[in-house]
Amino acid sequence: MYVSHLLLHDFRSYADLDVELDPGPTAFIGRNGQGKTNLIEAIDYLSRLSSHRVATDAPLVRADTEQAVVRAVVVRDGRQATLEVEINPGRSNRARVNRAVLPRARELIGLVRTVVFSPEDLGLVKGDPSDRRHFLDDLLIQRTPRLAGVRADYDRVLKQRNSLLKTARLAHGSSRESALDTLEVWDANLARTGAELLAARLRLVDDLRPHLGAAYEAVARGATREDAGIDYRPCFELDAETIAALPDSAPLEKALLAELAVRRRDELERGISLVGPHRDDLLCTLASPGQRLSVKGYASHGESWSFAVALRLASYDLLRDDGDDPILILDDVFAELDGERREQLAALVAGAEQVLVTAAVAADVPDKLAAARYLVAEGQVTRDG
C-alpha cells in the first residue's frame, strides 16, 4: 500500500498543493516551520481521522478559512482508489471514496494504514497513562475500524455519566434519588461499552507482545527479545476466570458492574467516574537481574527511546501480519538518534512499501531512505533531482 498522489486544499499552511509520490522511501527536507510535517500529517489523518500532533481539528484548517480538504490516491495490490476527507471544525466531517460520499466519515478509517514515528513517542513510555491508552486505541482502530464506533460510544457514555455524578454530588432529597436511579442506567451502558473496549485492548496487547520483543532486540544494543515486556493494567483486579473467558466480553461487563458498585461512594464524593478503560494503563517493562522494572522511572534515556521505537516497529509488524504493508512515517526522528542508531533504524524500515521521512537537514537522513527527495520551503514543495 502506498500513496501515489496527495492533494491538499486549505490544510495547515497549504492553500493548494499537488504532489506525486513514489513507492519506497521519500524524504521531505526543510527547516522547521516550513510545512514538511504538515504533508505527512495529512496522510496520517486519512488513516485515523485524527492528528498525531493536535487533539482537535481546528488547527488543521488554514487561517481565515472554514474547511480543509485532504485527497489522496492510494494504490493497493495494483488497484487505486481516491480517498478524500473534508475537515469541518465544529461540524461533521465528510468523506468520499472515488467521489462517492460515505454515510459516516469514520467509514474511511482503515482504508489506508499508517504508523508514525515522532520525537513525541518518548511519551509512550515516559508520559501519562493517557498517552499509552491513546497508542493502544489508535492501533486497535486501524486493525478493526468498527471499534472507532465503540470508543466513541464509550466516550459519550463516560461524559454523560460524569455529568450525572456531579449533579448527584450537589443534589439533595428527591433530586438526588432521581439522579441515583438514572445513574444505574449509565452504569449498565458504561459496563457494556467498556467491556468491549477492554476486551479488545487485552487481545491487542497479547498480539503485540511477541512483536515488541523482536523489535526491541533489533533496535537496542545487546538486547534479547525477552528483555522488553508489556502488560495491560486495568484500574481494578481481574480474576483469572474472567481473563480466560476472552474473547467473550460478558464476564468483563459483569466485573465492571461489580466494581462500579464497590466504588459508588467514592465516585459520588468526587463527582467523576473512577472505573473503566479510561483509567487503565499499559505497563512497559525491561528485564533486570531477578526482576522486571518499569521503563518509566528506571530506564535510561537511550533505553526509553529504544523501547518507544520498538513499540512503533511492533505496531508496523502487527499490521503487516494482518495483510497490509502500512505506510511508515518518520517525522523528524533521526535528529534524535546517533549515527549508528540512524543506520540501524533505516535498515529495519527501508523494505517497507512506502516510507515517508521528514528532516530539517538532509545529512540526518540515511542514504537508504533518501531514494526520492523533496525540498520544502515557504509553502512550496519541489522535487530535488
Protein backbone atom coordinates (compact mmCIF):
# COMPACT_ATOMS: atom_id res chain seq x y z
CA MET A 1 0.00 0.00 0.00
CA TYR A 2 1.25 3.47 -0.86
CA VAL A 3 0.06 6.98 -1.67
CA SER A 4 0.82 7.98 -5.26
CA HIS A 5 -0.78 11.42 -5.21
CA LEU A 6 -1.52 13.89 -2.42
CA LEU A 7 -3.71 16.95 -2.87
CA LEU A 8 -4.36 19.49 -0.12
CA HIS A 9 -6.69 22.47 -0.02
CA ASP A 10 -6.54 24.91 2.91
CA PHE A 11 -4.84 22.29 5.06
CA ARG A 12 -2.48 23.83 7.63
CA SER A 13 -0.10 26.13 5.73
CA TYR A 14 -1.13 24.97 2.26
CA ALA A 15 -3.76 26.82 0.26
CA ASP A 16 -3.38 24.33 -2.59
CA LEU A 17 -0.83 21.57 -3.05
CA ASP A 18 -0.47 18.73 -5.54
CA VAL A 19 2.39 16.27 -5.01
CA GLU A 20 3.12 12.99 -6.78
CA LEU A 21 4.81 10.32 -4.68
CA ASP A 22 6.60 7.07 -5.43
CA PRO A 23 6.59 3.80 -3.53
CA GLY A 24 9.68 3.18 -1.44
CA PRO A 25 11.50 5.80 0.64
CA THR A 26 10.83 9.52 0.22
CA ALA A 27 12.42 12.31 2.26
CA PHE A 28 10.98 15.81 2.79
CA ILE A 29 13.74 18.23 3.73
CA GLY A 30 13.17 21.71 5.12
CA ARG A 31 13.80 23.98 8.05
CA ASN A 32 11.39 23.89 10.96
CA GLY A 33 8.17 25.76 10.31
CA GLN A 34 8.25 25.33 6.51
CA GLY A 35 5.43 22.78 6.32
CA LYS A 36 7.12 19.41 5.86
CA THR A 37 5.36 17.78 8.80
CA ASN A 38 2.03 19.10 7.51
CA LEU A 39 2.42 16.82 4.47
CA ILE A 40 2.79 13.60 6.38
CA GLU A 41 0.20 14.71 8.95
CA ALA A 42 -2.35 14.90 6.14
CA ILE A 43 -1.65 11.33 5.04
CA ASP A 44 -1.80 10.08 8.61
CA TYR A 45 -5.09 11.93 9.15
CA LEU A 46 -6.69 9.91 6.34
CA SER A 47 -5.86 6.69 8.17
CA ARG A 48 -7.33 7.60 11.57
CA LEU A 49 -9.30 10.85 11.12
CA SER A 50 -7.19 12.37 13.87
CA SER A 51 -3.82 14.07 14.06
CA HIS A 52 -0.72 12.80 15.82
CA ARG A 53 0.12 16.42 16.68
CA VAL A 54 -3.08 18.07 17.98
CA ALA A 55 -6.21 16.90 19.79
CA THR A 56 -8.80 18.81 17.72
CA ASP A 57 -9.38 19.51 14.03
CA ALA A 58 -9.42 23.31 14.21
CA PRO A 59 -5.62 23.79 13.86
CA LEU A 60 -5.68 21.68 10.67
CA VAL A 61 -7.66 24.31 8.76
CA ARG A 62 -5.68 27.18 7.26
CA ALA A 63 -6.13 30.52 8.98
CA ASP A 64 -9.15 32.56 7.85
CA THR A 65 -10.76 29.59 6.09
CA GLU A 66 -13.58 27.34 7.26
CA GLN A 67 -12.77 23.97 5.71
CA ALA A 68 -9.78 21.87 4.72
CA VAL A 69 -9.67 19.06 2.17
CA VAL A 70 -7.23 16.15 2.06
CA ARG A 71 -7.35 13.93 -1.00
CA ALA A 72 -5.01 11.04 -1.77
CA VAL A 73 -4.74 8.40 -4.47
CA VAL A 74 -3.90 5.15 -2.70
CA VAL A 75 -2.52 2.11 -4.53
CA ARG A 76 -3.14 -1.32 -3.04
CA ASP A 77 -2.36 -4.59 -4.81
CA GLY A 78 -2.09 -2.76 -8.12
CA ARG A 79 -5.53 -1.11 -7.79
CA GLN A 80 -6.01 2.52 -6.94
CA ALA A 81 -8.68 4.44 -5.06
CA THR A 82 -9.14 8.12 -4.32
CA LEU A 83 -9.81 8.87 -0.66
CA GLU A 84 -10.98 12.29 0.45
CA VAL A 85 -11.99 13.96 3.68
CA GLU A 86 -13.46 17.41 4.24
CA ILE A 87 -12.42 18.71 7.65
CA ASN A 88 -15.13 20.94 9.14
CA PRO A 89 -14.26 22.08 12.69
CA GLY A 90 -17.39 22.33 14.82
CA ARG A 91 -19.41 20.38 12.25
CA SER A 92 -19.41 16.85 10.89
CA ASN A 93 -16.58 15.94 8.56
CA ARG A 94 -17.43 14.40 5.20
CA ALA A 95 -15.55 11.59 3.49
CA ARG A 96 -15.56 10.20 -0.03
CA VAL A 97 -14.13 7.16 -1.78
CA ASN A 98 -13.81 7.54 -5.55
CA ARG A 99 -16.06 10.62 -5.31
CA ALA A 100 -18.88 8.65 -3.60
CA VAL A 101 -19.92 10.19 -0.26
CA LEU A 102 -19.70 7.80 2.70
CA PRO A 103 -22.62 7.71 5.17
CA ARG A 104 -20.21 8.44 8.04
CA ALA A 105 -16.73 9.92 7.83
CA ARG A 106 -15.32 7.24 10.14
CA GLU A 107 -16.01 4.62 7.44
CA LEU A 108 -12.83 5.96 5.84
CA ILE A 109 -10.76 4.58 8.74
CA GLY A 110 -8.68 1.56 7.84
CA LEU A 111 -8.70 2.07 4.08
CA VAL A 112 -5.16 3.38 4.38
CA ARG A 113 -2.93 2.43 7.30
CA THR A 114 -0.04 4.40 8.73
CA VAL A 115 2.49 4.00 11.52
CA VAL A 116 4.05 7.28 12.68
CA PHE A 117 7.38 7.65 14.47
CA SER A 118 7.91 11.08 16.05
CA PRO A 119 10.01 12.68 18.82
CA GLU A 120 6.86 12.75 20.96
CA ASP A 121 6.96 8.94 21.05
CA LEU A 122 9.09 9.16 24.16
CA GLY A 123 5.80 9.99 25.87
CA LEU A 124 4.65 6.43 25.17
CA VAL A 125 6.98 5.20 27.91
CA LYS A 126 7.74 8.35 29.93
CA GLY A 127 4.41 10.15 29.73
CA ASP A 128 0.98 9.81 31.31
CA PRO A 129 -1.21 6.69 31.03
CA SER A 130 -3.41 8.62 28.60
CA ASP A 131 -0.55 8.56 26.06
CA ARG A 132 -0.39 4.78 26.22
CA ARG A 133 -4.17 4.37 26.08
CA HIS A 134 -4.21 6.59 23.00
CA PHE A 135 -1.49 4.45 21.41
CA LEU A 136 -3.47 1.26 22.01
CA ASP A 137 -6.76 2.67 20.75
CA ASP A 138 -5.20 4.10 17.59
CA LEU A 139 -3.73 0.70 16.79
CA LEU A 140 -6.99 -1.05 17.65
CA ILE A 141 -8.99 1.14 15.31
CA GLN A 142 -6.58 0.65 12.42
CA ARG A 143 -6.84 -3.13 12.86
CA THR A 144 -10.61 -3.15 13.47
CA PRO A 145 -12.22 0.08 12.22
CA ARG A 146 -15.63 -0.67 13.79
CA LEU A 147 -14.03 -0.13 17.19
CA ALA A 148 -13.95 3.58 16.38
CA GLY A 149 -17.69 3.49 16.99
CA VAL A 150 -17.26 1.55 20.22
CA ARG A 151 -14.73 4.04 21.54
CA ALA A 152 -16.94 6.98 20.53
CA ASP A 153 -19.90 5.37 22.32
CA TYR A 154 -17.81 4.80 25.44
CA ASP A 155 -16.57 8.41 25.45
CA ARG A 156 -20.16 9.65 25.09
CA VAL A 157 -21.39 7.44 27.95
CA LEU A 158 -18.47 8.49 30.15
CA LYS A 159 -19.19 12.17 29.57
CA GLN A 160 -22.88 11.74 30.40
CA ARG A 161 -22.12 9.65 33.49
CA ASN A 162 -19.59 12.17 34.80
CA SER A 163 -22.14 14.94 34.38
CA LEU A 164 -24.70 12.90 36.30
CA LEU A 165 -22.23 12.15 39.11
CA LYS A 166 -21.54 15.87 39.51
CA THR A 167 -25.27 16.56 39.64
CA ALA A 168 -25.84 13.82 42.23
CA ARG A 169 -22.99 15.10 44.39
CA LEU A 170 -24.64 18.51 44.73
CA ALA A 171 -28.29 17.38 44.83
CA HIS A 172 -30.43 16.67 47.89
CA GLY A 173 -33.63 14.80 48.67
CA SER A 174 -35.75 13.61 45.75
CA SER A 175 -33.43 15.21 43.20
CA ARG A 176 -30.54 13.12 44.49
CA GLU A 177 -32.65 9.95 44.47
CA SER A 178 -33.68 10.62 40.87
CA ALA A 179 -30.07 11.14 39.85
CA LEU A 180 -29.04 7.90 41.54
CA ASP A 181 -31.79 5.95 39.77
CA THR A 182 -30.65 7.35 36.42
CA LEU A 183 -27.06 6.52 37.31
CA GLU A 184 -27.87 2.79 37.22
CA VAL A 185 -28.79 3.09 33.54
CA TRP A 186 -25.48 4.76 32.76
CA ASP A 187 -23.63 2.15 34.84
CA ALA A 188 -25.02 -0.51 32.50
CA ASN A 189 -24.05 1.48 29.41
CA LEU A 190 -20.54 2.12 30.74
CA ALA A 191 -20.04 -1.56 31.59
CA ARG A 192 -21.32 -2.73 28.19
CA THR A 193 -19.21 -0.42 26.02
CA GLY A 194 -16.28 -0.52 28.43
CA ALA A 195 -16.18 -4.32 28.42
CA GLU A 196 -15.97 -4.44 24.63
CA LEU A 197 -13.17 -1.86 24.57
CA LEU A 198 -11.33 -3.56 27.44
CA ALA A 199 -11.55 -7.00 25.80
CA ALA A 200 -10.18 -5.59 22.55
CA ARG A 201 -7.26 -3.92 24.33
CA LEU A 202 -6.38 -7.10 26.23
CA ARG A 203 -6.30 -9.11 22.99
CA LEU A 204 -4.25 -6.42 21.28
CA VAL A 205 -1.57 -6.44 23.98
CA ASP A 206 -1.30 -10.22 23.71
CA ASP A 207 -0.92 -9.94 19.92
CA LEU A 208 1.61 -7.11 20.18
CA ARG A 209 3.85 -8.63 22.87
CA PRO A 210 5.94 -11.03 20.68
CA HIS A 211 6.43 -8.35 18.02
CA LEU A 212 7.69 -5.95 20.69
CA GLY A 213 10.28 -8.42 21.93
CA ALA A 214 11.64 -8.96 18.43
CA ALA A 215 11.66 -5.22 17.68
CA TYR A 216 13.47 -4.32 20.90
CA GLU A 217 16.10 -6.96 20.21
CA ALA A 218 16.62 -5.35 16.79
CA VAL A 219 16.96 -1.73 17.98
CA ALA A 220 18.66 -1.99 21.40
CA ARG A 221 22.32 -2.86 21.61
CA GLY A 222 22.92 -6.27 23.16
CA ALA A 223 19.24 -6.87 23.93
CA THR A 224 17.30 -10.12 23.63
CA ARG A 225 13.65 -10.49 22.76
CA GLU A 226 12.86 -11.40 26.37
CA ASP A 227 14.12 -8.04 27.65
CA ALA A 228 11.13 -5.88 26.70
CA GLY A 229 7.67 -6.59 28.02
CA ILE A 230 4.18 -5.09 28.07
CA ASP A 231 1.19 -5.89 30.27
CA TYR A 232 -2.24 -4.36 30.31
CA ARG A 233 -3.18 -2.98 33.72
CA PRO A 234 -6.89 -2.42 34.33
CA CYS A 235 -7.84 0.01 37.09
CA PHE A 236 -9.10 -2.91 39.18
CA GLU A 237 -8.11 -6.54 39.62
CA LEU A 238 -9.49 -9.06 37.11
CA ASP A 239 -9.64 -12.68 38.19
CA ALA A 240 -8.14 -15.48 36.11
CA GLU A 241 -11.55 -16.86 35.17
CA THR A 242 -12.61 -13.56 33.61
CA ILE A 243 -9.38 -13.31 31.62
CA ALA A 244 -9.67 -16.94 30.49
CA ALA A 245 -13.16 -16.25 29.08
CA LEU A 246 -11.84 -13.86 26.45
CA PRO A 247 -12.80 -13.01 23.73
CA ASP A 248 -16.22 -13.23 25.42
CA SER A 249 -16.71 -9.79 27.00
CA ALA A 250 -19.72 -10.76 29.13
CA PRO A 251 -17.61 -11.63 32.22
CA LEU A 252 -15.78 -8.31 31.84
CA GLU A 253 -19.10 -6.48 31.75
CA LYS A 254 -20.16 -8.24 34.95
CA ALA A 255 -16.82 -7.41 36.60
CA LEU A 256 -17.11 -3.74 35.64
CA LEU A 257 -20.63 -3.52 37.09
CA ALA A 258 -19.45 -5.11 40.34
CA GLU A 259 -16.53 -2.69 40.64
CA LEU A 260 -18.80 0.29 39.91
CA ALA A 261 -20.97 -0.78 42.85
CA VAL A 262 -17.90 -1.04 45.10
CA ARG A 263 -16.66 2.44 44.12
CA ARG A 264 -20.05 4.16 44.11
CA ARG A 265 -19.45 6.19 47.28
CA ASP A 266 -16.01 7.37 46.12
CA GLU A 267 -17.41 8.38 42.73
CA LEU A 268 -20.25 10.37 44.28
CA GLU A 269 -17.87 12.16 46.63
CA ARG A 270 -15.55 13.14 43.78
CA GLY A 271 -18.14 13.59 41.04
CA ILE A 272 -16.18 11.57 38.49
CA SER A 273 -16.09 8.02 37.07
CA LEU A 274 -13.28 6.04 38.69
CA VAL A 275 -13.85 2.70 36.95
CA GLY A 276 -13.41 1.80 33.30
CA PRO A 277 -10.90 1.65 30.43
CA HIS A 278 -10.33 5.41 30.71
CA ARG A 279 -8.43 4.70 33.95
CA ASP A 280 -6.29 1.81 32.67
CA ASP A 281 -2.61 1.75 31.73
CA LEU A 282 -0.10 -0.17 29.65
CA LEU A 283 2.85 -1.27 31.78
CA CYS A 284 6.15 -1.21 29.86
CA THR A 285 8.98 -3.15 31.48
CA LEU A 286 12.60 -4.15 30.94
CA ALA A 287 14.33 -7.19 32.36
CA SER A 288 16.74 -6.62 35.23
CA PRO A 289 18.58 -9.35 37.19
CA GLY A 290 15.92 -11.20 39.15
CA GLN A 291 13.09 -8.77 38.37
CA ARG A 292 11.30 -6.63 35.80
CA LEU A 293 11.42 -2.85 36.15
CA SER A 294 9.08 -0.22 34.74
CA VAL A 295 10.60 1.71 31.86
CA LYS A 296 9.05 4.84 33.34
CA GLY A 297 11.22 5.78 36.27
CA TYR A 298 14.02 3.24 35.83
CA ALA A 299 15.17 3.13 32.21
CA SER A 300 17.88 5.40 30.81
CA HIS A 301 17.09 7.87 28.05
CA GLY A 302 18.60 5.53 25.46
CA GLU A 303 16.64 2.53 26.73
CA SER A 304 13.43 4.57 26.80
CA TRP A 305 13.93 5.78 23.26
CA SER A 306 14.72 2.23 22.06
CA PHE A 307 11.54 0.97 23.75
CA ALA A 308 9.41 3.67 22.11
CA VAL A 309 10.86 2.89 18.69
CA ALA A 310 10.26 -0.82 19.32
CA LEU A 311 6.59 -0.12 20.11
CA ARG A 312 6.18 1.56 16.74
CA LEU A 313 8.07 -1.18 14.88
CA ALA A 314 5.94 -3.79 16.64
CA SER A 315 2.79 -1.94 15.54
CA TYR A 316 4.03 -1.96 11.96
CA ASP A 317 4.81 -5.69 12.07
CA LEU A 318 1.42 -6.48 13.60
CA LEU A 319 -0.47 -4.52 10.94
CA ARG A 320 1.63 -6.12 8.22
CA ASP A 321 0.77 -9.57 9.60
CA ASP A 322 -2.89 -8.62 9.20
CA GLY A 323 -2.31 -8.46 5.45
CA ASP A 324 -1.39 -4.86 4.57
CA ASP A 325 2.00 -3.17 4.43
CA PRO A 326 1.29 0.12 6.28
CA ILE A 327 2.82 3.41 5.21
CA LEU A 328 5.69 4.21 7.56
CA ILE A 329 6.11 7.86 8.57
CA LEU A 330 9.28 9.01 10.35
CA ASP A 331 8.73 12.60 11.43
CA ASP A 332 11.99 14.30 12.50
CA VAL A 333 13.17 11.24 14.40
CA PHE A 334 16.70 10.98 13.00
CA ALA A 335 17.81 14.19 14.69
CA GLU A 336 17.19 12.36 17.99
CA LEU A 337 19.49 9.43 17.13
CA ASP A 338 23.23 8.98 16.83
CA GLY A 339 24.74 7.78 13.56
CA GLU A 340 24.72 4.09 14.44
CA ARG A 341 21.10 4.12 15.57
CA ARG A 342 20.07 6.05 12.44
CA GLU A 343 21.55 3.39 10.19
CA GLN A 344 20.07 0.63 12.33
CA LEU A 345 16.54 2.07 12.16
CA ALA A 346 16.90 2.80 8.43
CA ALA A 347 17.87 -0.79 7.75
CA LEU A 348 14.82 -2.04 9.65
CA VAL A 349 12.26 0.09 7.79
CA ALA A 350 13.78 0.56 4.32
CA GLY A 351 11.99 -2.51 2.95
CA ALA A 352 8.51 -1.13 3.62
CA GLU A 353 6.38 -0.46 0.57
CA GLN A 354 6.38 3.27 1.36
CA VAL A 355 8.46 5.19 3.89
CA LEU A 356 7.99 8.95 4.30
CA VAL A 357 10.69 10.82 6.21
CA THR A 358 10.92 14.44 7.33
CA ALA A 359 14.15 16.12 8.40
CA ALA A 360 15.44 19.64 8.86
CA VAL A 361 18.87 18.69 7.50
CA ALA A 362 19.47 16.38 4.56
CA ALA A 363 22.52 14.85 6.24
CA ASP A 364 20.28 13.46 9.01
CA VAL A 365 18.53 11.13 6.56
CA PRO A 366 20.34 7.81 5.97
CA ASP A 367 21.08 7.05 2.32
CA LYS A 368 18.73 4.04 2.44
CA LEU A 369 15.79 6.40 2.97
CA ALA A 370 16.63 9.16 0.50
CA ALA A 371 15.74 7.49 -2.79
CA ALA A 372 13.40 10.38 -3.60
CA ARG A 373 13.86 13.78 -2.01
CA TYR A 374 11.67 16.88 -1.85
CA LEU A 375 12.67 20.32 -0.63
CA VAL A 376 10.06 22.16 1.43
CA ALA A 377 10.36 25.93 1.82
CA GLU A 378 7.88 28.79 2.14
CA GLY A 379 4.88 26.62 1.29
CA GLN A 380 6.49 25.18 -1.84
CA VAL A 381 7.33 21.50 -2.31
CA THR A 382 9.78 20.77 -5.12
CA ARG A 383 11.47 17.56 -6.14
CA ASP A 384 15.24 17.63 -5.70
CA GLY A 385 16.90 15.99 -8.67
